[in-house]
Amino acid sequence: MLSGNPIEIVKLRKEYGEFVAVNDLDLSVKKNSFTGFLGPNGAGKSTTLKILTHLINATSGEAYINGIDVTKDPKKALTNVGTVVETPEFYPYLTPKETLKYVGQIIGMSPESIMSETDRILEKVKMAEWADKRIGTFSKGMRQRIALGQALMNNPNVIILDEPNSGLDPRGQAEMREILKNLRNNSNNLTVIMSSHVLHEVSDLCDRIALINHGKLIVHDDISIIGKDDGTRRMIVKVEGIPDSGMIERILQLNNVVSAERFGNDIDVTIKGDDSIRVKFYNDLGALNIGVYGVNEDSALETTYLKLIKESR
């Protein structure tokens, strides 16, 4: 039975020959939520979103948007949906204003609505300054903002984004995050699902997380619950040269170290404890004299994410 949420996925399956990309996936996305759709490469994220947007067909199962099955009536199901999936393509000789006018005409908007919405959306995606410039001269980040503008033209109540920051430089990523944050904070009755590999971006934007691996749902809950800090931290310890078993054994002898193993040319260490325990770990690590020149510490969400992915293998 459907729950009435704007996105409902029921026993969704996609097979490519013997390979199962999406494996009887069940997922219900809450109304007015901003859900981060996470998982490693090959987990089934993009395949799921492409089925939701009717870019590919499912092998079996159902996918509902606003109560309408995309697999059976895609045109009606996608009426109030905005999407940015795959690399956006544009006519390079058109301007952003002309592009949004063209999109508005395709979806049946009135000339008056097209004019007012175009100006409003170009302001929202921070492209008003370039409204009359040819898109062929734009950077990838600017094109991505126009793609998001297209997705907003029909005033959707559901937006589906597949790694909107993929391939952008740091400035472009920051600009896109700011636009999405403003969209989240200033839009009523809007549900967003966004796939991403950037966990700090998800922490900044999302209130819920759905994590999948091997096409199956692992966990789906509020980010405050999934990313709750239980004191466990993953540390990547960088040492001069190649770490050996002796180094790892000495780290394992330190207080509050849960595990330590070689990770490429580094050492992957998990510790558990509060801030004072982590401070003591840094001090004890330095006293070992094993040539440590740096330590990268994961956030609580990153540590939980990696633990859940490892357990689901």
Protein backbone atom coordinates (compact mmCIF):
# COMPACT_ATOMS: atom_id res chain seq x y z
CA MET A 1 0.00 0.00 0.00
CA LEU A 2 1.35 3.45 -0.92
CA SER A 3 2.01 5.88 1.93
CA GLY A 4 1.05 9.04 0.04
CA ASN A 5 4.62 10.34 -0.11
CA PRO A 6 5.63 12.11 -3.36
CA ILE A 7 8.15 9.42 -4.36
CA GLU A 8 7.39 5.73 -3.82
CA ILE A 9 9.58 2.94 -5.16
CA VAL A 10 8.23 -0.60 -4.79
CA LYS A 11 10.26 -3.75 -5.54
CA LEU A 12 12.08 -1.92 -8.30
CA ARG A 13 14.49 -4.08 -10.31
CA LYS A 14 16.77 -3.42 -13.26
CA GLU A 15 18.79 -6.15 -14.91
CA TYR A 16 21.43 -5.86 -17.62
CA GLY A 17 21.83 -9.45 -18.69
CA GLU A 18 23.06 -11.28 -15.60
CA PHE A 19 24.03 -8.06 -13.80
CA VAL A 20 21.43 -6.71 -11.36
CA ALA A 21 21.83 -2.93 -11.07
CA VAL A 22 18.76 -2.34 -8.88
CA ASN A 23 17.70 -5.27 -6.71
CA ASP A 24 14.03 -5.18 -5.60
CA LEU A 25 14.48 -1.70 -4.14
CA ASP A 26 11.86 -0.23 -1.80
CA LEU A 27 12.10 3.48 -0.98
CA SER A 28 9.57 6.05 0.20
CA VAL A 29 10.69 9.71 0.10
CA LYS A 30 8.90 12.00 2.55
CA LYS A 31 7.07 15.11 1.43
CA ASN A 32 9.03 18.38 1.76
CA SER A 33 12.27 16.51 2.50
CA PHE A 34 15.69 17.05 0.92
CA THR A 35 17.00 13.50 0.65
CA GLY A 36 20.60 12.61 -0.14
CA PHE A 37 20.75 9.44 -2.24
CA LEU A 38 24.09 7.84 -1.41
CA GLY A 39 26.11 4.79 -2.32
CA PRO A 40 29.43 3.81 -3.91
CA ASN A 41 30.00 3.68 -7.66
CA GLY A 42 27.83 0.96 -9.16
CA ALA A 43 25.42 0.93 -6.22
CA GLY A 44 22.41 1.65 -8.47
CA LYS A 45 21.81 5.34 -7.72
CA SER A 46 21.85 6.70 -11.27
CA THR A 47 19.94 3.71 -12.60
CA THR A 48 17.18 4.28 -10.04
CA LEU A 49 16.94 8.00 -10.86
CA LYS A 50 16.88 7.26 -14.60
CA ILE A 51 13.96 4.89 -14.06
CA LEU A 52 12.19 7.56 -11.99
CA THR A 53 12.63 10.07 -14.82
CA HIS A 54 11.72 7.49 -17.51
CA LEU A 55 15.09 7.66 -19.24
CA ILE A 56 15.29 3.86 -18.99
CA ASN A 57 12.72 1.16 -18.30
CA ALA A 58 12.66 -1.04 -15.21
CA THR A 59 12.84 -4.81 -15.54
CA SER A 60 10.09 -5.08 -12.92
CA GLY A 61 8.59 -3.20 -9.99
CA GLU A 62 6.88 0.16 -9.65
CA ALA A 63 8.00 3.78 -9.27
CA TYR A 64 5.40 6.37 -8.28
CA ILE A 65 5.68 10.16 -8.34
CA ASN A 66 2.76 12.02 -6.76
CA GLY A 67 0.84 8.74 -6.77
CA ILE A 68 1.27 8.04 -10.51
CA ASP A 69 3.33 5.08 -11.73
CA VAL A 70 6.17 6.37 -13.93
CA THR A 71 6.53 2.94 -15.51
CA LYS A 72 2.91 3.03 -16.78
CA ASP A 73 2.08 6.72 -17.35
CA PRO A 74 5.36 8.68 -17.49
CA LYS A 75 3.93 11.82 -19.07
CA LYS A 76 1.38 12.34 -16.30
CA ALA A 77 3.75 11.22 -13.52
CA LEU A 78 6.44 13.73 -14.56
CA THR A 79 4.09 16.70 -15.02
CA ASN A 80 5.15 18.41 -11.77
CA VAL A 81 8.74 17.15 -11.71
CA GLY A 82 12.00 18.97 -12.43
CA THR A 83 15.09 16.94 -13.26
CA VAL A 84 18.82 17.32 -13.79
CA VAL A 85 20.03 13.87 -14.77
CA GLU A 86 23.17 13.18 -16.82
CA THR A 87 25.25 15.95 -18.44
CA PRO A 88 22.94 18.75 -19.65
CA GLU A 89 23.07 19.62 -23.36
CA PHE A 90 22.03 22.97 -24.84
CA TYR A 91 21.85 24.70 -28.17
CA PRO A 92 25.09 26.73 -27.91
CA TYR A 93 23.76 29.64 -30.01
CA LEU A 94 20.81 30.27 -27.66
CA THR A 95 20.94 32.49 -24.58
CA PRO A 96 19.66 31.40 -21.14
CA LYS A 97 16.59 33.58 -21.64
CA GLU A 98 15.87 32.01 -25.04
CA THR A 99 16.49 28.52 -23.67
CA LEU A 100 14.03 28.93 -20.80
CA LYS A 101 11.47 30.47 -23.19
CA TYR A 102 11.84 27.42 -25.43
CA VAL A 103 11.39 25.05 -22.45
CA GLY A 104 8.33 27.01 -21.30
CA GLN A 105 6.73 26.73 -24.74
CA ILE A 106 7.36 22.98 -24.84
CA ILE A 107 5.61 22.43 -21.52
CA GLY A 108 2.68 24.65 -22.49
CA MET A 109 3.23 27.77 -20.36
CA SER A 110 1.55 31.03 -21.38
CA PRO A 111 3.76 33.82 -22.82
CA GLU A 112 3.13 35.94 -19.72
CA SER A 113 4.14 33.10 -17.38
CA ILE A 114 7.23 32.35 -19.44
CA MET A 115 8.37 35.97 -19.21
CA SER A 116 7.82 36.30 -15.47
CA GLU A 117 9.19 32.85 -14.59
CA THR A 118 12.28 33.27 -16.76
CA ASP A 119 13.36 36.43 -14.97
CA ARG A 120 12.61 34.95 -11.55
CA ILE A 121 14.45 31.70 -12.23
CA LEU A 122 17.53 33.35 -13.73
CA GLU A 123 17.80 35.38 -10.52
CA LYS A 124 17.32 32.23 -8.43
CA VAL A 125 20.12 30.32 -10.20
CA LYS A 126 22.35 33.41 -10.27
CA MET A 127 22.41 33.69 -14.07
CA ALA A 128 20.54 36.98 -14.57
CA GLU A 129 23.78 38.77 -15.43
CA TRP A 130 24.32 36.40 -18.38
CA ALA A 131 20.67 36.18 -19.49
CA ASP A 132 21.44 37.43 -23.02
CA LYS A 133 24.85 35.77 -23.55
CA ARG A 134 25.29 32.70 -25.78
CA ILE A 135 25.41 29.45 -23.80
CA GLY A 136 28.21 28.17 -26.03
CA THR A 137 30.59 30.53 -24.20
CA PHE A 138 29.64 29.29 -20.70
CA SER A 139 31.62 27.17 -18.25
CA LYS A 140 30.29 23.80 -17.10
CA GLY A 141 29.20 25.32 -13.80
CA MET A 142 27.17 28.01 -15.59
CA ARG A 143 25.55 25.37 -17.82
CA GLN A 144 24.68 23.32 -14.75
CA ARG A 145 22.91 26.33 -13.27
CA ILE A 146 20.92 26.75 -16.49
CA ALA A 147 20.02 23.06 -16.29
CA LEU A 148 18.67 23.62 -12.78
CA GLY A 149 16.77 26.65 -14.09
CA GLN A 150 15.13 24.45 -16.73
CA ALA A 151 14.10 22.02 -13.99
CA LEU A 152 12.37 24.85 -12.12
CA MET A 153 10.38 26.22 -15.08
CA ASN A 154 7.22 24.19 -14.42
CA ASN A 155 7.20 25.15 -10.71
CA PRO A 156 7.67 21.50 -9.71
CA ASN A 157 6.83 19.95 -6.35
CA VAL A 158 9.45 17.23 -6.90
CA ILE A 159 13.04 17.75 -8.08
CA ILE A 160 15.36 14.86 -9.00
CA LEU A 161 19.10 15.62 -9.19
CA ASP A 162 21.82 13.19 -10.21
CA GLU A 163 25.15 14.47 -8.84
CA PRO A 164 24.51 18.15 -9.72
CA ASN A 165 28.08 19.08 -8.72
CA SER A 166 29.79 16.40 -10.81
CA GLY A 167 32.75 17.76 -12.76
CA LEU A 168 32.51 21.28 -11.33
CA ASP A 169 35.51 23.13 -9.95
CA PRO A 170 35.48 24.17 -6.26
CA ARG A 171 33.97 27.57 -7.05
CA GLY A 172 31.24 25.99 -9.19
CA GLN A 173 30.48 23.46 -6.46
CA ALA A 174 30.17 26.20 -3.84
CA GLU A 175 27.85 28.23 -6.09
CA MET A 176 25.62 25.23 -6.78
CA ARG A 177 25.44 24.37 -3.06
CA GLU A 178 24.40 27.93 -2.26
CA ILE A 179 21.66 27.84 -4.90
CA LEU A 180 20.34 24.50 -3.66
CA LYS A 181 20.44 25.68 -0.06
CA ASN A 182 18.42 28.78 -0.96
CA LEU A 183 15.99 26.58 -2.88
CA ARG A 184 15.56 24.35 0.18
CA ASN A 185 15.09 27.26 2.57
CA ASN A 186 12.75 29.35 0.44
CA SER A 187 10.48 26.82 -1.28
CA ASN A 188 7.27 25.46 0.16
CA ASN A 189 5.84 22.08 -0.80
CA LEU A 190 9.07 20.96 -2.50
CA THR A 191 10.58 17.47 -2.28
CA VAL A 192 14.14 16.92 -3.51
CA ILE A 193 16.12 13.72 -3.98
CA MET A 194 19.78 14.21 -4.90
CA SER A 195 22.47 11.63 -5.53
CA SER A 196 25.97 12.65 -4.49
CA HIS A 197 29.41 11.32 -3.58
CA VAL A 198 30.32 14.44 -1.57
CA LEU A 199 29.34 13.75 2.04
CA HIS A 200 30.02 17.23 3.39
CA GLU A 201 27.71 18.55 0.65
CA VAL A 202 25.01 16.12 1.76
CA SER A 203 25.52 17.15 5.40
CA ASP A 204 25.10 20.79 4.39
CA LEU A 205 21.99 20.35 2.24
CA CYS A 206 20.02 17.27 3.22
CA ASP A 207 17.74 16.45 6.15
CA ARG A 208 17.42 12.76 5.22
CA ILE A 209 19.68 10.10 3.73
CA ALA A 210 18.90 6.98 1.72
CA LEU A 211 21.96 4.73 1.38
CA ILE A 212 22.05 1.88 -1.13
CA ASN A 213 24.62 -0.71 -2.17
CA HIS A 214 24.39 -3.50 -4.76
CA GLY A 215 20.98 -2.10 -5.71
CA LYS A 216 19.51 -2.64 -2.23
CA LEU A 217 18.50 -0.12 0.43
CA ILE A 218 20.79 -0.26 3.47
CA VAL A 219 19.36 2.56 5.57
CA HIS A 220 16.93 5.47 5.14
CA ASP A 221 16.47 7.94 7.98
CA ASP A 222 17.01 11.48 9.23
CA ILE A 223 20.59 12.64 8.79
CA SER A 224 20.68 13.52 12.50
CA ILE A 225 20.16 9.84 13.31
CA ILE A 226 22.42 8.30 10.66
CA GLY A 227 25.20 10.81 11.26
CA LYS A 228 24.90 10.77 15.03
CA ASP A 229 28.30 11.06 16.65
CA ASP A 230 28.94 7.98 18.80
CA GLY A 231 32.60 8.89 19.23
CA THR A 232 33.86 6.52 16.54
CA ARG A 233 36.24 8.12 14.06
CA ARG A 234 38.15 6.87 11.04
CA MET A 235 41.64 8.35 10.71
CA ILE A 236 43.87 8.07 7.65
CA VAL A 237 47.41 8.24 9.03
CA LYS A 238 50.05 9.31 6.50
CA VAL A 239 53.58 8.06 7.08
CA GLU A 240 56.89 8.41 5.29
CA GLY A 241 57.55 5.47 2.99
CA ILE A 242 55.43 2.32 2.94
CA PRO A 243 53.72 1.34 6.22
CA ASP A 244 54.77 -2.06 7.53
CA SER A 245 53.24 -4.55 9.95
CA GLY A 246 55.41 -3.24 12.79
CA MET A 247 53.96 0.27 12.46
CA ILE A 248 50.43 -1.07 12.39
CA GLU A 249 51.03 -3.28 15.42
CA ARG A 250 52.36 -0.34 17.44
CA ILE A 251 49.31 1.76 16.56
CA LEU A 252 47.01 -1.11 17.57
CA GLN A 253 48.60 -1.06 21.04
CA LEU A 254 47.47 2.54 21.65
CA ASN A 255 44.50 3.13 23.95
CA ASN A 256 41.04 3.35 22.32
CA VAL A 257 42.23 2.13 18.91
CA VAL A 258 39.56 -0.21 17.52
CA SER A 259 41.32 -1.24 14.31
CA ALA A 260 44.32 -0.41 12.13
CA GLU A 261 45.20 -1.70 8.68
CA ARG A 262 47.21 -0.68 5.66
CA PHE A 263 45.31 1.52 3.20
CA GLY A 264 47.45 1.98 0.09
CA ASN A 265 50.48 3.93 1.30
CA ASP A 266 48.64 5.06 4.44
CA ILE A 267 47.25 3.46 7.58
CA ASP A 268 43.48 3.28 8.12
CA VAL A 269 42.80 3.62 11.85
CA THR A 270 39.50 3.59 13.76
CA ILE A 271 39.37 4.97 17.28
CA LYS A 272 36.50 5.46 19.72
CA GLY A 273 36.18 8.16 22.34
CA ASP A 274 35.36 11.81 22.96
CA ASP A 275 37.45 14.84 21.97
CA SER A 276 39.91 14.31 24.81
CA ILE A 277 40.53 10.73 23.63
CA ARG A 278 41.22 11.97 20.11
CA VAL A 279 43.67 14.55 21.45
CA LYS A 280 45.46 11.81 23.40
CA PHE A 281 45.56 9.65 20.25
CA TYR A 282 47.32 12.41 18.31
CA ASN A 283 49.85 12.86 21.11
CA ASP A 284 50.48 9.11 21.46
CA LEU A 285 50.76 8.72 17.69
CA GLY A 286 53.44 11.40 17.52
CA ALA A 287 55.39 9.72 20.33
CA LEU A 288 55.64 6.47 18.34
CA ASN A 289 58.28 7.99 16.03
CA ILE A 290 57.05 6.15 12.93
CA GLY A 291 57.34 9.09 10.54
CA VAL A 292 53.78 10.43 10.68
CA TYR A 293 53.42 13.61 8.62
CA GLY A 294 49.64 13.96 8.53
CA VAL A 295 46.27 12.62 9.70
CA ASN A 296 42.96 13.04 7.87
CA GLU A 297 39.95 12.62 10.16
CA ASP A 298 36.54 11.66 8.76
CA SER A 299 33.34 13.28 10.01
CA ALA A 300 30.83 11.21 11.99
CA LEU A 301 28.70 10.84 8.83
CA GLU A 302 31.68 9.67 6.76
CA THR A 303 32.63 7.11 9.41
CA THR A 304 29.06 5.77 9.58
CA TYR A 305 28.76 5.71 5.78
CA LEU A 306 31.95 3.67 5.34
CA LYS A 307 30.97 1.30 8.16
CA LEU A 308 27.55 0.63 6.61
CA ILE A 309 28.99 0.13 3.13
CA LYS A 310 31.62 -2.28 4.48
CA GLU A 311 28.99 -4.29 6.37
CA SER A 312 26.78 -4.55 3.24
CA ARG A 313 29.44 -6.14 1.01
